[in-house]
Amino acid sequence: MMVVVTGASGSGKSEYAEGVAVKLAGKGDLYYLATMRVYGEEGVRRVERHRKLRAGKGFHTAECPVKVDEAFAQVCMSESLEQTCDTSHGRVCTSEFLEQGCARLHGKIRMPVALLECMSNLVANEMFPETVGDEINANCVENIVRQIRHLKDQTGHLVIVTNQIFEDGIIYEPETMEYIRNLGQINQQLAEMADSVIEVVAGIPIFIKGEKL
C-alpha cells in the first residue's frame, strides 16, 4: 500500500503520517527515510523536533537525501547481513538483498514499512547540485518517480510526506518556479500511484483518495 500525506507547513502532516506508518507496520520493521540536508541552526532545530516526535515509535532512521531507493536498499541489506548471514554454517548473502531492498530471514521475505519525509526536500536535493556552478538536473521528475516506483516495490507499505507550496500566488525567480513546477508534477504522479491521498489541515485529515485508514 502507498499513502501520500500532504499539507502546508505546520499543518500536522508529519505527526499524522507517522501514526499511519506505525499502524501499518504493526510489529514489523519500520523505517524513517530522512531526505533533509541539515544546514544551519534552524535545520538542526527541525531535525531535533522530528526526532522527538518519532521517539519511542520504533523507527529505524535512514539518511536518504538523494537516490532514496538505492540508499534504502543499502540500509536494509546491511541490517539483513548482520541478522542473517552466517558463512560459517554455509549460508552466503548475495546481491539479492540489494535488489529486493528488504530483510531475508531464513528464506522468508519480510517487507518493511517506510515513511519518506519529505518529498519537497528530495526534489530540491535531486534538482540542485551541492557543488556551486553545476547544472540543474533536468531529469529530476523522471528520476524521482522512478525511485519511488522502486521504493514501493521494496516495501510492504510506503508513506510519503509532501508539501503544499503552490497557493501563495507569488512569482519567484525562474529556478524556484521550475522547482515548484517539478514538485507539482511529482505530486500528481504520486497521487496517481497511491492507494490513498490525504491532506492534513490544522491536524485534521481530509481523505482525497482511498478509504479512511
Protein backbone atom coordinates (compact mmCIF):
# COMPACT_ATOMS: atom_id res chain seq x y z
CA MET A 1 0.00 0.00 0.00
CA MET A 2 1.21 3.51 -0.83
CA VAL A 3 -0.08 6.53 1.09
CA VAL A 4 0.63 10.17 0.25
CA VAL A 5 0.16 12.74 3.03
CA THR A 6 0.23 16.40 2.06
CA GLY A 7 -0.37 19.70 3.79
CA ALA A 8 1.03 23.14 4.49
CA SER A 9 3.87 23.88 6.88
CA GLY A 10 2.73 23.36 10.47
CA SER A 11 -0.43 21.52 9.41
CA GLY A 12 0.32 18.42 11.47
CA LYS A 13 1.02 16.25 8.43
CA SER A 14 4.27 14.82 9.83
CA GLU A 15 2.71 13.57 13.04
CA TYR A 16 -0.27 12.16 11.16
CA ALA A 17 1.96 10.36 8.64
CA GLU A 18 4.00 8.84 11.47
CA GLY A 19 0.82 7.49 13.01
CA VAL A 20 -0.22 5.92 9.71
CA ALA A 21 3.20 4.29 9.26
CA VAL A 22 3.23 2.91 12.81
CA LYS A 23 -0.26 1.47 12.34
CA LEU A 24 0.66 -0.17 9.02
CA ALA A 25 3.88 -1.62 10.41
CA GLY A 26 2.33 -3.35 13.39
CA LYS A 27 5.20 -5.35 14.86
CA GLY A 28 7.19 -5.33 11.61
CA ASP A 29 10.23 -3.33 10.56
CA LEU A 30 9.63 0.42 10.35
CA TYR A 31 11.97 2.89 8.65
CA TYR A 32 12.08 6.67 8.57
CA LEU A 33 13.70 7.89 5.34
CA ALA A 34 15.10 11.33 6.12
CA THR A 35 15.64 13.40 2.97
CA MET A 36 16.60 16.68 4.60
CA ARG A 37 20.14 18.03 4.32
CA VAL A 38 20.80 19.92 7.53
CA TYR A 39 22.01 23.50 7.11
CA GLY A 40 22.30 25.98 9.96
CA GLU A 41 20.67 26.21 13.36
CA GLU A 42 17.12 26.20 12.01
CA GLY A 43 17.78 22.93 10.21
CA VAL A 44 19.19 21.39 13.39
CA ARG A 45 16.11 22.50 15.35
CA ARG A 46 13.75 21.00 12.77
CA VAL A 47 15.58 17.67 12.82
CA GLU A 48 15.54 17.58 16.61
CA ARG A 49 11.81 18.35 16.70
CA HIS A 50 11.05 15.49 14.31
CA ARG A 51 13.25 13.11 16.28
CA LYS A 52 11.27 13.91 19.41
CA LEU A 53 8.03 13.23 17.52
CA ARG A 54 9.35 9.81 16.45
CA ALA A 55 10.82 8.87 19.82
CA GLY A 56 9.55 5.55 21.15
CA LYS A 57 7.65 4.65 17.97
CA GLY A 58 10.10 2.05 16.69
CA PHE A 59 11.54 3.86 13.68
CA HIS A 60 14.93 2.99 12.23
CA THR A 61 16.24 6.20 10.65
CA ALA A 62 17.98 6.11 7.27
CA GLU A 63 19.56 9.25 5.81
CA CYS A 64 18.45 9.38 2.16
CA PRO A 65 18.98 12.91 0.76
CA VAL A 66 19.26 11.60 -2.83
CA LYS A 67 18.69 8.31 -4.68
CA VAL A 68 16.34 7.27 -1.94
CA ASP A 69 15.64 3.81 -3.34
CA GLU A 70 19.32 2.88 -3.51
CA ALA A 71 20.05 4.34 -0.08
CA PHE A 72 17.16 2.42 1.48
CA ALA A 73 18.17 -0.84 -0.19
CA GLN A 74 21.71 -0.44 1.12
CA VAL A 75 20.44 0.13 4.66
CA CYS A 76 18.18 -2.91 4.52
CA MET A 77 20.93 -5.03 3.01
CA SER A 78 23.37 -4.01 5.72
CA GLU A 79 20.92 -4.83 8.51
CA SER A 80 19.97 -8.11 6.85
CA LEU A 81 23.60 -9.13 6.57
CA GLU A 82 24.05 -8.54 10.28
CA GLN A 83 20.92 -10.52 11.15
CA THR A 84 21.05 -13.49 8.78
CA CYS A 85 24.49 -14.03 7.21
CA ASP A 86 26.48 -16.86 8.72
CA THR A 87 29.04 -18.11 6.22
CA SER A 88 30.49 -20.48 8.82
CA HIS A 89 27.28 -22.52 8.51
CA GLY A 90 27.22 -22.45 4.75
CA ARG A 91 24.79 -19.56 4.29
CA VAL A 92 26.01 -16.93 1.87
CA CYS A 93 24.42 -13.50 1.39
CA THR A 94 24.18 -12.31 -2.21
CA SER A 95 23.14 -9.23 -4.17
CA GLU A 96 19.54 -10.37 -3.73
CA PHE A 97 19.49 -8.24 -0.58
CA LEU A 98 20.26 -5.10 -2.55
CA GLU A 99 17.88 -5.92 -5.40
CA GLN A 100 14.96 -6.61 -3.09
CA GLY A 101 15.86 -3.96 -0.53
CA CYS A 102 14.31 -5.83 2.36
CA ALA A 103 15.21 -8.35 5.04
CA ARG A 104 15.66 -12.00 4.20
CA LEU A 105 15.06 -14.09 7.30
CA HIS A 106 15.67 -17.85 6.98
CA GLY A 107 14.39 -17.91 3.42
CA LYS A 108 11.33 -15.76 4.10
CA ILE A 109 10.88 -12.20 2.86
CA ARG A 110 9.62 -9.71 5.41
CA MET A 111 8.65 -6.49 3.69
CA PRO A 112 9.28 -3.39 5.81
CA VAL A 113 7.19 -0.24 6.13
CA ALA A 114 8.86 3.05 5.19
CA LEU A 115 7.95 6.67 5.88
CA LEU A 116 9.64 9.11 3.50
CA GLU A 117 9.84 12.70 4.72
CA CYS A 118 9.68 14.74 2.76
CA MET A 119 9.28 14.95 -0.99
CA SER A 120 9.98 18.69 -1.17
CA ASN A 121 13.47 18.14 0.27
CA LEU A 122 14.15 15.20 -2.02
CA VAL A 123 13.18 17.25 -5.08
CA ALA A 124 15.45 20.11 -4.03
CA ASN A 125 18.36 17.75 -3.37
CA GLU A 126 17.95 15.95 -6.69
CA MET A 127 17.36 19.11 -8.69
CA PHE A 128 20.02 21.45 -7.29
CA PRO A 129 23.64 20.21 -7.10
CA GLU A 130 25.66 20.69 -3.94
CA THR A 131 28.60 22.00 -5.97
CA VAL A 132 28.17 25.63 -6.97
CA GLY A 133 28.25 26.07 -10.73
CA ASP A 134 26.99 22.59 -11.64
CA GLU A 135 23.93 22.41 -13.86
CA ILE A 136 20.43 21.82 -12.54
CA ASN A 137 19.19 18.27 -13.02
CA ALA A 138 16.80 18.50 -15.96
CA ASN A 139 15.55 14.93 -15.44
CA CYS A 140 14.53 15.46 -11.83
CA VAL A 141 10.87 14.47 -12.24
CA GLU A 142 11.57 11.24 -14.13
CA ASN A 143 14.39 10.25 -11.78
CA ILE A 144 12.36 10.73 -8.61
CA VAL A 145 9.24 8.98 -9.92
CA ARG A 146 11.43 6.03 -10.91
CA GLN A 147 12.98 5.99 -7.43
CA ILE A 148 9.55 5.96 -5.80
CA ARG A 149 8.39 3.08 -8.00
CA HIS A 150 11.45 1.10 -6.91
CA LEU A 151 10.89 2.06 -3.28
CA LYS A 152 7.27 0.95 -3.50
CA ASP A 153 8.45 -2.46 -4.70
CA GLN A 154 10.96 -2.65 -1.83
CA THR A 155 8.38 -2.06 0.90
CA GLY A 156 5.22 -3.65 2.18
CA HIS A 157 3.74 -0.20 2.77
CA LEU A 158 5.13 3.19 1.79
CA VAL A 159 4.02 6.50 3.34
CA ILE A 160 5.23 9.70 1.66
CA VAL A 161 5.01 13.20 3.13
CA THR A 162 4.89 16.08 0.66
CA ASN A 163 4.09 19.78 0.82
CA GLN A 164 1.52 22.27 -0.41
CA ILE A 165 3.59 25.23 -1.62
CA PHE A 166 1.53 26.26 -4.62
CA GLU A 167 -1.04 28.67 -3.26
CA ASP A 168 0.72 31.94 -2.44
CA GLY A 169 0.42 33.33 -5.99
CA ILE A 170 3.92 34.83 -5.89
CA ILE A 171 6.16 34.79 -8.97
CA TYR A 172 9.66 33.76 -7.88
CA GLU A 173 12.99 33.55 -9.67
CA PRO A 174 12.99 31.16 -12.67
CA GLU A 175 14.88 28.38 -10.84
CA THR A 176 12.43 28.50 -7.94
CA MET A 177 9.45 28.42 -10.30
CA GLU A 178 10.96 25.40 -12.03
CA TYR A 179 11.32 23.70 -8.65
CA ILE A 180 7.67 24.42 -7.81
CA ARG A 181 6.54 23.03 -11.19
CA ASN A 182 8.65 19.90 -10.72
CA LEU A 183 7.28 19.27 -7.23
CA GLY A 184 3.75 19.76 -8.55
CA GLN A 185 4.29 17.26 -11.38
CA ILE A 186 5.78 14.73 -8.98
CA ASN A 187 2.90 15.17 -6.54
CA GLN A 188 0.43 14.49 -9.35
CA GLN A 189 2.21 11.29 -10.34
CA LEU A 190 2.50 10.18 -6.72
CA ALA A 191 -1.24 10.72 -6.25
CA GLU A 192 -1.92 8.58 -9.31
CA MET A 193 0.34 5.80 -7.97
CA ALA A 194 -1.00 5.97 -4.41
CA ASP A 195 -3.78 3.89 -2.89
CA SER A 196 -4.61 6.73 -0.50
CA VAL A 197 -4.04 10.50 -0.62
CA ILE A 198 -4.68 12.59 2.49
CA GLU A 199 -4.42 16.33 3.05
CA VAL A 200 -3.93 17.41 6.65
CA VAL A 201 -5.41 20.79 7.60
CA ALA A 202 -4.95 22.06 11.17
CA GLY A 203 -4.28 18.50 12.28
CA ILE A 204 -7.44 17.15 10.64
CA PRO A 205 -7.02 14.53 7.87
CA ILE A 206 -9.08 15.04 4.72
CA PHE A 207 -9.24 11.94 2.53
CA ILE A 208 -8.87 12.88 -1.13
CA LYS A 209 -8.33 9.38 -2.49
CA GLY A 210 -8.93 5.97 -0.97
CA GLU A 211 -10.78 4.79 2.10
CA LYS A 212 -10.22 6.06 5.62
CA LEU A 213 -7.23 4.38 7.23
